[in-house]
């Protein structure tokens, strides 16, 4: 159970990237916790939003890898918010505090849903330049718990944890997936009753994404085929909502591929972000991008090419089923 917690990478992350706590609401009990790594000169970083059971630490592999490649990456842990509009307002205030006009969002499960809702909420004055949705959903009804959503705040912590654990993979899994599950269980144990109850409320209260409001946002969908908590129907609905989205498929990895298949997920994130190199929305230090690559990216944007770009070929190399 301690494999990830005692790993050199995790220990290096904890010793080199400082945890910051920021209050942006009038209620000083609402504290955003975040890790901010990479060049602070980047004004359009990628921000990582965790699932119900996650904390900011669950993306430590992404923080280490992406910042090492020259990207600015911020991993968040949200305060207690019981309402989607309240969350979106708090997140907007956080971006204002960090002086970030637009950002790229990577969201896992609930984090992906919140990322979509924030993009939708701010569509008249866009704050989201692109989305990477990992095992994400667009309609809370997929969990069949909308009728209990308003009672989560009453439940004791052990009952809430039992609800969350019921969605974790069962049966035999490979060692990396087992380590990922154990690490997420440890992170789940660190959450208070109010943190967990509020997240489950956001996760299950009746709500859905209105894709027409974010049709101009570039989207990549990362899905895992094996032992995911999401149903096939939920995944298909995501594809219907975002027909132009790039699809990144992992054959294995479970619910937490950013831990169990971090190298593949990091590569897909890099592929997604490369389309913005050389623009004001680049999440990477320009010094880390070769002049040749910048010229290629500029040519693709100028020509408006939708064919097999280098990113598409790279993705196909990872997944032969990629079109």
C-alpha atoms as a PDB file:
ATOM      1  CA  UNK A   1       0.000   0.000   0.000  1.00  0.00           C
ATOM      2  CA  UNK A   2       2.971   2.300   0.430  1.00  0.00           C
ATOM      3  CA  UNK A   3       4.564   1.765  -2.999  1.00  0.00           C
ATOM      4  CA  UNK A   4       3.796   5.188  -4.504  1.00  0.00           C
ATOM      5  CA  UNK A   5       4.059   7.054  -1.213  1.00  0.00           C
ATOM      6  CA  UNK A   6       7.642   5.855  -0.729  1.00  0.00           C
ATOM      7  CA  UNK A   7       8.690   6.036  -4.382  1.00  0.00           C
ATOM      8  CA  UNK A   8      11.651   8.263  -5.323  1.00  0.00           C
ATOM      9  CA  UNK A   9       9.477  10.265  -7.750  1.00  0.00           C
ATOM     10  CA  UNK A  10       6.850  11.065  -5.118  1.00  0.00           C
ATOM     11  CA  UNK A  11       9.456  11.960  -2.509  1.00  0.00           C
ATOM     12  CA  UNK A  12      11.235  14.169  -5.051  1.00  0.00           C
ATOM     13  CA  UNK A  13       7.945  15.880  -5.867  1.00  0.00           C
ATOM     14  CA  UNK A  14       7.130  16.548  -2.209  1.00  0.00           C
ATOM     15  CA  UNK A  15      10.623  17.915  -1.535  1.00  0.00           C
ATOM     16  CA  UNK A  16      10.923  20.144  -4.604  1.00  0.00           C
ATOM     17  CA  UNK A  17       7.416  21.495  -5.359  1.00  0.00           C
ATOM     18  CA  UNK A  18       5.889  23.592  -2.609  1.00  0.00           C
ATOM     19  CA  UNK A  19       2.219  23.384  -1.670  1.00  0.00           C
ATOM     20  CA  UNK A  20       0.481  26.760  -1.724  1.00  0.00           C
ATOM     21  CA  UNK A  21      -2.788  27.651  -0.029  1.00  0.00           C
ATOM     22  CA  UNK A  22      -4.905  30.502  -1.381  1.00  0.00           C
ATOM     23  CA  UNK A  23      -8.160  32.058  -0.168  1.00  0.00           C
ATOM     24  CA  UNK A  24     -10.183  33.994  -2.756  1.00  0.00           C
ATOM     25  CA  UNK A  25     -13.668  33.993  -1.214  1.00  0.00           C
ATOM     26  CA  UNK A  26     -14.996  36.076   1.672  1.00  0.00           C
ATOM     27  CA  UNK A  27     -15.280  32.816   3.613  1.00  0.00           C
ATOM     28  CA  UNK A  28     -11.753  32.218   4.871  1.00  0.00           C
ATOM     29  CA  UNK A  29     -12.511  28.533   5.406  1.00  0.00           C
ATOM     30  CA  UNK A  30     -12.503  28.018   1.631  1.00  0.00           C
ATOM     31  CA  UNK A  31      -8.864  27.292   0.897  1.00  0.00           C
ATOM     32  CA  UNK A  32      -7.540  26.305  -2.532  1.00  0.00           C
ATOM     33  CA  UNK A  33      -4.454  24.090  -2.298  1.00  0.00           C
ATOM     34  CA  UNK A  34      -2.171  23.925  -5.312  1.00  0.00           C
ATOM     35  CA  UNK A  35       1.192  22.950  -6.698  1.00  0.00           C
ATOM     36  CA  UNK A  36       2.511  25.402  -9.300  1.00  0.00           C
ATOM     37  CA  UNK A  37       5.571  24.179 -11.207  1.00  0.00           C
ATOM     38  CA  UNK A  38       7.356  25.378 -14.320  1.00  0.00           C
ATOM     39  CA  UNK A  39       8.091  28.860 -15.679  1.00  0.00           C
ATOM     40  CA  UNK A  40       5.898  31.508 -14.036  1.00  0.00           C
ATOM     41  CA  UNK A  41       6.259  33.668 -17.149  1.00  0.00           C
ATOM     42  CA  UNK A  42       3.723  31.370 -18.867  1.00  0.00           C
ATOM     43  CA  UNK A  43       0.310  33.042 -18.731  1.00  0.00           C
ATOM     44  CA  UNK A  44      -1.748  30.146 -20.129  1.00  0.00           C
ATOM     45  CA  UNK A  45      -0.691  27.086 -18.093  1.00  0.00           C
ATOM     46  CA  UNK A  46      -2.351  23.719 -17.869  1.00  0.00           C
ATOM     47  CA  UNK A  47      -4.373  23.227 -14.687  1.00  0.00           C
ATOM     48  CA  UNK A  48      -5.170  19.738 -13.376  1.00  0.00           C
ATOM     49  CA  UNK A  49      -8.489  19.031 -11.614  1.00  0.00           C
ATOM     50  CA  UNK A  50      -8.792  15.830  -9.533  1.00  0.00           C
ATOM     51  CA  UNK A  51     -11.662  13.334  -9.179  1.00  0.00           C
ATOM     52  CA  UNK A  52     -13.891  12.982  -6.103  1.00  0.00           C
ATOM     53  CA  UNK A  53     -11.308  10.929  -4.215  1.00  0.00           C
ATOM     54  CA  UNK A  54      -8.285  12.930  -5.312  1.00  0.00           C
ATOM     55  CA  UNK A  55      -6.087  15.650  -3.902  1.00  0.00           C
ATOM     56  CA  UNK A  56      -3.572  17.849  -5.692  1.00  0.00           C
ATOM     57  CA  UNK A  57      -0.887  15.178  -5.121  1.00  0.00           C
ATOM     58  CA  UNK A  58      -2.529  12.611  -7.407  1.00  0.00           C
ATOM     59  CA  UNK A  59      -1.081  14.413 -10.451  1.00  0.00           C
ATOM     60  CA  UNK A  60       2.495  14.469  -9.162  1.00  0.00           C
ATOM     61  CA  UNK A  61       3.712  12.457 -12.170  1.00  0.00           C
ATOM     62  CA  UNK A  62       2.234  15.054 -14.534  1.00  0.00           C
ATOM     63  CA  UNK A  63       3.659  17.955 -12.531  1.00  0.00           C
ATOM     64  CA  UNK A  64       7.167  16.463 -12.578  1.00  0.00           C
ATOM     65  CA  UNK A  65       7.179  15.427 -16.237  1.00  0.00           C
ATOM     66  CA  UNK A  66       5.483  18.466 -17.772  1.00  0.00           C
ATOM     67  CA  UNK A  67       7.444  21.039 -15.786  1.00  0.00           C
ATOM     68  CA  UNK A  68      10.614  19.152 -16.712  1.00  0.00           C
ATOM     69  CA  UNK A  69       9.713  19.597 -20.375  1.00  0.00           C
ATOM     70  CA  UNK A  70       9.251  23.346 -19.862  1.00  0.00           C
ATOM     71  CA  UNK A  71       5.494  23.543 -19.305  1.00  0.00           C
ATOM     72  CA  UNK A  72       3.850  25.462 -16.508  1.00  0.00           C
ATOM     73  CA  UNK A  73       1.500  23.078 -14.740  1.00  0.00           C
ATOM     74  CA  UNK A  74      -0.774  23.688 -11.752  1.00  0.00           C
ATOM     75  CA  UNK A  75      -2.406  20.872  -9.796  1.00  0.00           C
ATOM     76  CA  UNK A  76      -5.387  21.900  -7.672  1.00  0.00           C
ATOM     77  CA  UNK A  77      -7.385  20.732  -4.710  1.00  0.00           C
ATOM     78  CA  UNK A  78     -10.714  22.499  -4.367  1.00  0.00           C
ATOM     79  CA  UNK A  79     -12.328  23.896  -1.235  1.00  0.00           C
ATOM     80  CA  UNK A  80     -15.804  22.879  -0.077  1.00  0.00           C
ATOM     81  CA  UNK A  81     -18.360  24.036  -2.648  1.00  0.00           C
ATOM     82  CA  UNK A  82     -21.900  22.673  -2.655  1.00  0.00           C
ATOM     83  CA  UNK A  83     -23.094  24.327  -5.848  1.00  0.00           C
ATOM     84  CA  UNK A  84     -21.679  24.334  -9.390  1.00  0.00           C
ATOM     85  CA  UNK A  85     -22.171  28.076  -9.837  1.00  0.00           C
ATOM     86  CA  UNK A  86     -20.421  28.681  -6.535  1.00  0.00           C
ATOM     87  CA  UNK A  87     -17.511  26.484  -7.651  1.00  0.00           C
ATOM     88  CA  UNK A  88     -17.235  28.268 -10.997  1.00  0.00           C
ATOM     89  CA  UNK A  89     -17.262  31.662  -9.288  1.00  0.00           C
ATOM     90  CA  UNK A  90     -14.556  30.567  -6.849  1.00  0.00           C
ATOM     91  CA  UNK A  91     -12.423  29.094  -9.636  1.00  0.00           C
ATOM     92  CA  UNK A  92     -12.741  32.308 -11.640  1.00  0.00           C
ATOM     93  CA  UNK A  93     -11.573  34.281  -8.595  1.00  0.00           C
ATOM     94  CA  UNK A  94      -8.616  31.924  -8.229  1.00  0.00           C
ATOM     95  CA  UNK A  95      -7.583  32.514 -11.854  1.00  0.00           C
ATOM     96  CA  UNK A  96      -7.908  36.259 -11.263  1.00  0.00           C
ATOM     97  CA  UNK A  97      -5.713  35.952  -8.165  1.00  0.00           C
ATOM     98  CA  UNK A  98      -3.104  34.035 -10.182  1.00  0.00           C
ATOM     99  CA  UNK A  99      -3.420  36.650 -12.962  1.00  0.00           C
ATOM    100  CA  UNK A 100      -4.330  34.036 -15.564  1.00  0.00           C
ATOM    101  CA  UNK A 101      -6.694  35.211 -18.288  1.00  0.00           C
ATOM    102  CA  UNK A 102      -6.991  31.860 -20.086  1.00  0.00           C
ATOM    103  CA  UNK A 103      -5.908  28.337 -19.221  1.00  0.00           C
ATOM    104  CA  UNK A 104      -5.859  24.769 -20.459  1.00  0.00           C
ATOM    105  CA  UNK A 105      -7.761  22.370 -18.192  1.00  0.00           C
ATOM    106  CA  UNK A 106      -7.108  18.668 -17.602  1.00  0.00           C
ATOM    107  CA  UNK A 107      -9.933  17.106 -15.625  1.00  0.00           C
ATOM    108  CA  UNK A 108     -10.284  13.543 -14.340  1.00  0.00           C
ATOM    109  CA  UNK A 109     -13.819  12.217 -13.732  1.00  0.00           C
ATOM    110  CA  UNK A 110     -15.492  14.904 -11.542  1.00  0.00           C
ATOM    111  CA  UNK A 111     -12.598  17.206 -12.442  1.00  0.00           C
ATOM    112  CA  UNK A 112     -13.482  16.763 -16.118  1.00  0.00           C
ATOM    113  CA  UNK A 113     -17.125  17.584 -15.460  1.00  0.00           C
ATOM    114  CA  UNK A 114     -16.168  20.701 -13.482  1.00  0.00           C
ATOM    115  CA  UNK A 115     -13.774  21.759 -16.254  1.00  0.00           C
ATOM    116  CA  UNK A 116     -16.594  21.552 -18.802  1.00  0.00           C
ATOM    117  CA  UNK A 117     -19.028  23.435 -16.567  1.00  0.00           C
ATOM    118  CA  UNK A 118     -16.473  26.191 -15.955  1.00  0.00           C
ATOM    119  CA  UNK A 119     -15.831  26.532 -19.694  1.00  0.00           C
ATOM    120  CA  UNK A 120     -19.593  26.644 -20.225  1.00  0.00           C
ATOM    121  CA  UNK A 121     -20.132  29.178 -17.427  1.00  0.00           C
ATOM    122  CA  UNK A 122     -17.462  31.563 -18.785  1.00  0.00           C
ATOM    123  CA  UNK A 123     -18.224  31.130 -22.487  1.00  0.00           C
ATOM    124  CA  UNK A 124     -19.248  34.778 -22.966  1.00  0.00           C
ATOM    125  CA  UNK A 125     -15.859  35.873 -21.675  1.00  0.00           C
ATOM    126  CA  UNK A 126     -13.794  32.743 -22.288  1.00  0.00           C
ATOM    127  CA  UNK A 127     -11.302  31.642 -19.644  1.00  0.00           C
ATOM    128  CA  UNK A 128     -10.702  28.116 -20.987  1.00  0.00           C
ATOM    129  CA  UNK A 129      -8.654  27.739 -24.149  1.00  0.00           C
ATOM    130  CA  UNK A 130      -8.698  23.949 -24.307  1.00  0.00           C
ATOM    131  CA  UNK A 131      -9.859  20.845 -22.443  1.00  0.00           C
ATOM    132  CA  UNK A 132      -8.374  17.411 -21.812  1.00  0.00           C
ATOM    133  CA  UNK A 133     -11.074  15.156 -20.384  1.00  0.00           C
ATOM    134  CA  UNK A 134      -9.881  11.922 -18.743  1.00  0.00           C
ATOM    135  CA  UNK A 135     -12.523   9.311 -17.885  1.00  0.00           C
ATOM    136  CA  UNK A 136     -14.887  12.277 -17.730  1.00  0.00           C
ATOM    137  CA  UNK A 137     -18.654  12.519 -18.050  1.00  0.00           C
ATOM    138  CA  UNK A 138     -21.084  15.184 -19.272  1.00  0.00           C
ATOM    139  CA  UNK A 139     -24.262  14.284 -17.376  1.00  0.00           C
ATOM    140  CA  UNK A 140     -24.447  13.458 -13.671  1.00  0.00           C
ATOM    141  CA  UNK A 141     -27.427  11.160 -14.224  1.00  0.00           C
ATOM    142  CA  UNK A 142     -24.996   8.398 -15.299  1.00  0.00           C
ATOM    143  CA  UNK A 143     -24.389   7.664 -11.615  1.00  0.00           C
ATOM    144  CA  UNK A 144     -28.101   7.176 -10.814  1.00  0.00           C
ATOM    145  CA  UNK A 145     -27.734   9.039  -7.529  1.00  0.00           C
ATOM    146  CA  UNK A 146     -29.338  12.404  -8.287  1.00  0.00           C
ATOM    147  CA  UNK A 147     -32.093  11.581  -5.780  1.00  0.00           C
ATOM    148  CA  UNK A 148     -29.565  11.192  -2.931  1.00  0.00           C
ATOM    149  CA  UNK A 149     -27.352  14.155  -3.865  1.00  0.00           C
ATOM    150  CA  UNK A 150     -29.046  16.523  -1.430  1.00  0.00           C
ATOM    151  CA  UNK A 151     -28.499  14.184   1.510  1.00  0.00           C
ATOM    152  CA  UNK A 152     -24.746  13.618   1.246  1.00  0.00           C
ATOM    153  CA  UNK A 153     -24.073  16.470   3.651  1.00  0.00           C
ATOM    154  CA  UNK A 154     -25.872  14.517   6.370  1.00  0.00           C
ATOM    155  CA  UNK A 155     -23.933  11.281   5.973  1.00  0.00           C
ATOM    156  CA  UNK A 156     -20.946  10.420   8.161  1.00  0.00           C
ATOM    157  CA  UNK A 157     -17.538  10.246   6.523  1.00  0.00           C
ATOM    158  CA  UNK A 158     -17.234   6.447   6.589  1.00  0.00           C
ATOM    159  CA  UNK A 159     -20.471   6.077   4.601  1.00  0.00           C
ATOM    160  CA  UNK A 160     -19.308   8.590   2.000  1.00  0.00           C
ATOM    161  CA  UNK A 161     -15.981   6.789   1.632  1.00  0.00           C
ATOM    162  CA  UNK A 162     -17.820   3.514   1.183  1.00  0.00           C
ATOM    163  CA  UNK A 163     -19.827   5.055  -1.681  1.00  0.00           C
ATOM    164  CA  UNK A 164     -16.650   6.230  -3.401  1.00  0.00           C
ATOM    165  CA  UNK A 165     -14.801   2.953  -2.850  1.00  0.00           C
ATOM    166  CA  UNK A 166     -17.701   1.115  -4.478  1.00  0.00           C
ATOM    167  CA  UNK A 167     -16.609   2.639  -7.812  1.00  0.00           C
ATOM    168  CA  UNK A 168     -12.998   1.493  -7.502  1.00  0.00           C
ATOM    169  CA  UNK A 169     -11.844  -1.442  -9.613  1.00  0.00           C
ATOM    170  CA  UNK A 170     -12.367  -4.894  -8.157  1.00  0.00           C
ATOM    171  CA  UNK A 171     -10.740  -8.186  -9.000  1.00  0.00           C
ATOM    172  CA  UNK A 172      -7.237  -8.825 -10.300  1.00  0.00           C
ATOM    173  CA  UNK A 173      -5.304  -5.833 -11.654  1.00  0.00           C
ATOM    174  CA  UNK A 174      -1.701  -5.343 -12.669  1.00  0.00           C
ATOM    175  CA  UNK A 175       0.786  -4.041 -10.047  1.00  0.00           C
ATOM    176  CA  UNK A 176       0.779  -0.438 -11.283  1.00  0.00           C
ATOM    177  CA  UNK A 177      -3.001  -0.259 -11.197  1.00  0.00           C
ATOM    178  CA  UNK A 178      -3.003  -1.811  -7.719  1.00  0.00           C
ATOM    179  CA  UNK A 179      -0.499   0.807  -6.542  1.00  0.00           C
ATOM    180  CA  UNK A 180      -2.646   3.562  -8.064  1.00  0.00           C
ATOM    181  CA  UNK A 181      -5.755   2.298  -6.271  1.00  0.00           C
ATOM    182  CA  UNK A 182      -3.892   2.081  -2.955  1.00  0.00           C
ATOM    183  CA  UNK A 183      -2.582   5.621  -3.374  1.00  0.00           C
ATOM    184  CA  UNK A 184      -6.065   6.935  -4.165  1.00  0.00           C
ATOM    185  CA  UNK A 185      -7.481   5.143  -1.120  1.00  0.00           C
ATOM    186  CA  UNK A 186      -4.840   6.897   0.970  1.00  0.00           C
ATOM    187  CA  UNK A 187      -5.795  10.248  -0.563  1.00  0.00           C
ATOM    188  CA  UNK A 188      -9.473   9.502   0.047  1.00  0.00           C
ATOM    189  CA  UNK A 189      -8.727   8.908   3.734  1.00  0.00           C
ATOM    190  CA  UNK A 190      -7.160  12.378   3.943  1.00  0.00           C
ATOM    191  CA  UNK A 191     -10.403  14.133   2.926  1.00  0.00           C
ATOM    192  CA  UNK A 192     -12.761  15.508   5.563  1.00  0.00           C
ATOM    193  CA  UNK A 193     -16.470  14.678   5.693  1.00  0.00           C
ATOM    194  CA  UNK A 194     -17.405  18.085   4.278  1.00  0.00           C
ATOM    195  CA  UNK A 195     -14.859  17.861   1.447  1.00  0.00           C
ATOM    196  CA  UNK A 196     -16.106  14.456   0.394  1.00  0.00           C
ATOM    197  CA  UNK A 197     -19.795  15.268   0.836  1.00  0.00           C
ATOM    198  CA  UNK A 198     -19.517  18.460  -1.221  1.00  0.00           C
ATOM    199  CA  UNK A 199     -17.674  16.699  -4.040  1.00  0.00           C
ATOM    200  CA  UNK A 200     -20.210  13.894  -4.169  1.00  0.00           C
ATOM    201  CA  UNK A 201     -22.958  16.514  -4.242  1.00  0.00           C
ATOM    202  CA  UNK A 202     -21.365  18.218  -7.255  1.00  0.00           C
ATOM    203  CA  UNK A 203     -20.777  14.807  -8.838  1.00  0.00           C
ATOM    204  CA  UNK A 204     -24.363  13.588  -8.475  1.00  0.00           C
ATOM    205  CA  UNK A 205     -26.714  16.593  -8.311  1.00  0.00           C
ATOM    206  CA  UNK A 206     -28.787  16.777 -11.491  1.00  0.00           C
ATOM    207  CA  UNK A 207     -26.769  18.686 -14.097  1.00  0.00           C
ATOM    208  CA  UNK A 208     -25.429  18.298 -17.612  1.00  0.00           C
ATOM    209  CA  UNK A 209     -23.055  20.051 -19.995  1.00  0.00           C
ATOM    210  CA  UNK A 210     -24.346  22.334 -22.761  1.00  0.00           C
ATOM    211  CA  UNK A 211     -21.728  21.690 -25.473  1.00  0.00           C
ATOM    212  CA  UNK A 212     -22.933  24.438 -27.840  1.00  0.00           C
ATOM    213  CA  UNK A 213     -21.557  26.981 -25.373  1.00  0.00           C
ATOM    214  CA  UNK A 214     -18.022  25.574 -25.627  1.00  0.00           C
ATOM    215  CA  UNK A 215     -17.966  24.510 -29.270  1.00  0.00           C
ATOM    216  CA  UNK A 216     -14.889  26.650 -29.994  1.00  0.00           C
ATOM    217  CA  UNK A 217     -12.759  25.011 -27.294  1.00  0.00           C
ATOM    218  CA  UNK A 218     -10.190  22.441 -28.463  1.00  0.00           C
ATOM    219  CA  UNK A 219     -10.910  19.106 -26.757  1.00  0.00           C
ATOM    220  CA  UNK A 220      -9.012  15.859 -26.277  1.00  0.00           C
ATOM    221  CA  UNK A 221     -10.823  12.909 -24.689  1.00  0.00           C
ATOM    222  CA  UNK A 222      -8.705  10.315 -22.876  1.00  0.00           C
ATOM    223  CA  UNK A 223     -10.545   7.069 -22.220  1.00  0.00           C
ATOM    224  CA  UNK A 224      -9.522   3.766 -20.682  1.00  0.00           C
ATOM    225  CA  UNK A 225     -11.214   0.634 -21.970  1.00  0.00           C
ATOM    226  CA  UNK A 226     -10.671  -1.659 -18.982  1.00  0.00           C
ATOM    227  CA  UNK A 227     -12.220  -1.494 -15.507  1.00  0.00           C
ATOM    228  CA  UNK A 228     -13.349   2.113 -15.686  1.00  0.00           C
ATOM    229  CA  UNK A 229     -16.169   3.341 -13.454  1.00  0.00           C
ATOM    230  CA  UNK A 230     -17.772   4.972 -16.490  1.00  0.00           C
ATOM    231  CA  UNK A 231     -20.226   3.008 -18.594  1.00  0.00           C
ATOM    232  CA  UNK A 232     -19.878   2.515 -22.320  1.00  0.00           C
ATOM    233  CA  UNK A 233     -22.966   4.708 -22.797  1.00  0.00           C
ATOM    234  CA  UNK A 234     -21.389   7.577 -20.841  1.00  0.00           C
ATOM    235  CA  UNK A 235     -18.279   7.436 -23.008  1.00  0.00           C
ATOM    236  CA  UNK A 236     -20.318   7.344 -26.203  1.00  0.00           C
ATOM    237  CA  UNK A 237     -22.245  10.403 -25.034  1.00  0.00           C
ATOM    238  CA  UNK A 238     -18.970  12.288 -24.645  1.00  0.00           C
ATOM    239  CA  UNK A 239     -18.006  11.420 -28.214  1.00  0.00           C
ATOM    240  CA  UNK A 240     -21.375  12.684 -29.461  1.00  0.00           C
ATOM    241  CA  UNK A 241     -21.023  15.959 -27.573  1.00  0.00           C
ATOM    242  CA  UNK A 242     -17.547  16.586 -28.997  1.00  0.00           C
ATOM    243  CA  UNK A 243     -17.483  15.088 -32.504  1.00  0.00           C
ATOM    244  CA  UNK A 244     -14.395  17.113 -33.429  1.00  0.00           C
ATOM    245  CA  UNK A 245     -12.446  16.109 -30.325  1.00  0.00           C
ATOM    246  CA  UNK A 246      -9.228  14.169 -30.547  1.00  0.00           C
ATOM    247  CA  UNK A 247      -9.547  10.750 -28.965  1.00  0.00           C
ATOM    248  CA  UNK A 248      -6.781   9.144 -26.957  1.00  0.00           C
ATOM    249  CA  UNK A 249      -7.461   5.532 -26.032  1.00  0.00           C
ATOM    250  CA  UNK A 250      -5.644   3.514 -23.389  1.00  0.00           C
ATOM    251  CA  UNK A 251      -6.333  -0.201 -23.464  1.00  0.00           C
ATOM    252  CA  UNK A 252      -5.511  -0.571 -19.771  1.00  0.00           C
ATOM    253  CA  UNK A 253      -5.097   1.715 -16.784  1.00  0.00           C
ATOM    254  CA  UNK A 254      -8.326   1.620 -14.807  1.00  0.00           C
ATOM    255  CA  UNK A 255      -9.872   4.692 -13.198  1.00  0.00           C
ATOM    256  CA  UNK A 256      -6.574   6.428 -12.475  1.00  0.00           C
ATOM    257  CA  UNK A 257      -4.389   6.243 -15.604  1.00  0.00           C
ATOM    258  CA  UNK A 258      -2.520   9.426 -14.636  1.00  0.00           C
ATOM    259  CA  UNK A 259      -0.971   7.256 -11.904  1.00  0.00           C
ATOM    260  CA  UNK A 260      -0.979   3.760 -13.400  1.00  0.00           C
ATOM    261  CA  UNK A 261      -0.107   4.782 -16.987  1.00  0.00           C
ATOM    262  CA  UNK A 262       1.504   8.155 -16.341  1.00  0.00           C
ATOM    263  CA  UNK A 263       3.946   8.006 -19.273  1.00  0.00           C
ATOM    264  CA  UNK A 264       1.134   7.517 -21.809  1.00  0.00           C
ATOM    265  CA  UNK A 265      -1.081  10.178 -20.233  1.00  0.00           C
ATOM    266  CA  UNK A 266       1.810  12.648 -20.091  1.00  0.00           C
ATOM    267  CA  UNK A 267       2.506  12.008 -23.756  1.00  0.00           C
ATOM    268  CA  UNK A 268      -1.119  12.626 -24.724  1.00  0.00           C
ATOM    269  CA  UNK A 269      -1.128  15.871 -22.723  1.00  0.00           C
ATOM    270  CA  UNK A 270       2.019  16.969 -24.537  1.00  0.00           C
ATOM    271  CA  UNK A 271       0.455  16.051 -27.887  1.00  0.00           C
ATOM    272  CA  UNK A 272      -2.622  18.117 -27.059  1.00  0.00           C
ATOM    273  CA  UNK A 273      -0.612  21.162 -25.974  1.00  0.00           C
ATOM    274  CA  UNK A 274       1.755  21.135 -28.950  1.00  0.00           C
ATOM    275  CA  UNK A 275      -0.918  22.634 -31.203  1.00  0.00           C
ATOM    276  CA  UNK A 276      -0.589  25.892 -29.233  1.00  0.00           C
ATOM    277  CA  UNK A 277       3.187  26.230 -29.449  1.00  0.00           C
ATOM    278  CA  UNK A 278       4.257  29.574 -30.831  1.00  0.00           C
ATOM    279  CA  UNK A 279       0.982  31.262 -29.878  1.00  0.00           C
ATOM    280  CA  UNK A 280       0.037  33.448 -26.916  1.00  0.00           C
ATOM    281  CA  UNK A 281      -1.733  30.406 -25.496  1.00  0.00           C
ATOM    282  CA  UNK A 282       1.366  28.216 -25.346  1.00  0.00           C
ATOM    283  CA  UNK A 283       1.748  26.466 -22.002  1.00  0.00           C
ATOM    284  CA  UNK A 284       5.469  25.906 -22.580  1.00  0.00           C
ATOM    285  CA  UNK A 285       8.580  28.059 -22.322  1.00  0.00           C
ATOM    286  CA  UNK A 286       9.361  29.078 -25.942  1.00  0.00           C
ATOM    287  CA  UNK A 287      13.021  28.320 -25.283  1.00  0.00           C
ATOM    288  CA  UNK A 288      12.077  24.641 -24.924  1.00  0.00           C
ATOM    289  CA  UNK A 289      10.552  24.519 -28.424  1.00  0.00           C
ATOM    290  CA  UNK A 290      12.847  24.197 -31.413  1.00  0.00           C
ATOM    291  CA  UNK A 291      12.620  26.795 -34.170  1.00  0.00           C
ATOM    292  CA  UNK A 292      11.871  24.009 -36.650  1.00  0.00           C
ATOM    293  CA  UNK A 293       8.905  22.794 -34.632  1.00  0.00           C
ATOM    294  CA  UNK A 294       7.554  26.329 -34.266  1.00  0.00           C
ATOM    295  CA  UNK A 295       7.695  26.761 -38.032  1.00  0.00           C
ATOM    296  CA  UNK A 296       5.848  23.469 -38.571  1.00  0.00           C
ATOM    297  CA  UNK A 297       3.154  24.465 -36.091  1.00  0.00           C
ATOM    298  CA  UNK A 298       2.818  27.873 -37.730  1.00  0.00           C
ATOM    299  CA  UNK A 299       2.435  26.271 -41.151  1.00  0.00           C
ATOM    300  CA  UNK A 300      -0.289  23.914 -39.916  1.00  0.00           C
ATOM    301  CA  UNK A 301      -2.241  26.794 -38.421  1.00  0.00           C
ATOM    302  CA  UNK A 302      -1.818  28.963 -41.509  1.00  0.00           C
ATOM    303  CA  UNK A 303      -2.866  26.194 -43.895  1.00  0.00           C
ATOM    304  CA  UNK A 304      -5.743  25.094 -41.673  1.00  0.00           C
ATOM    305  CA  UNK A 305      -4.710  21.477 -42.174  1.00  0.00           C
ATOM    306  CA  UNK A 306      -6.884  18.816 -40.588  1.00  0.00           C
ATOM    307  CA  UNK A 307      -5.034  15.817 -41.979  1.00  0.00           C
ATOM    308  CA  UNK A 308      -2.458  13.573 -40.369  1.00  0.00           C
ATOM    309  CA  UNK A 309      -0.333  15.961 -38.357  1.00  0.00           C
ATOM    310  CA  UNK A 310       2.697  14.795 -36.444  1.00  0.00           C
ATOM    311  CA  UNK A 311       0.524  14.636 -33.308  1.00  0.00           C
ATOM    312  CA  UNK A 312      -1.949  12.301 -35.022  1.00  0.00           C
ATOM    313  CA  UNK A 313       0.861  10.020 -36.167  1.00  0.00           C
ATOM    314  CA  UNK A 314       2.338  10.076 -32.674  1.00  0.00           C
ATOM    315  CA  UNK A 315      -1.010   9.133 -31.170  1.00  0.00           C
ATOM    316  CA  UNK A 316      -1.434   6.344 -33.698  1.00  0.00           C
ATOM    317  CA  UNK A 317       1.920   4.959 -32.698  1.00  0.00           C
ATOM    318  CA  UNK A 318       0.600   4.633 -29.151  1.00  0.00           C
ATOM    319  CA  UNK A 319      -2.769   3.220 -30.165  1.00  0.00           C
ATOM    320  CA  UNK A 320      -3.086   1.434 -33.546  1.00  0.00           C
ATOM    321  CA  UNK A 321      -6.885   1.849 -33.399  1.00  0.00           C
ATOM    322  CA  UNK A 322      -6.487   5.645 -33.573  1.00  0.00           C
ATOM    323  CA  UNK A 323      -7.988   6.856 -36.884  1.00  0.00           C
END
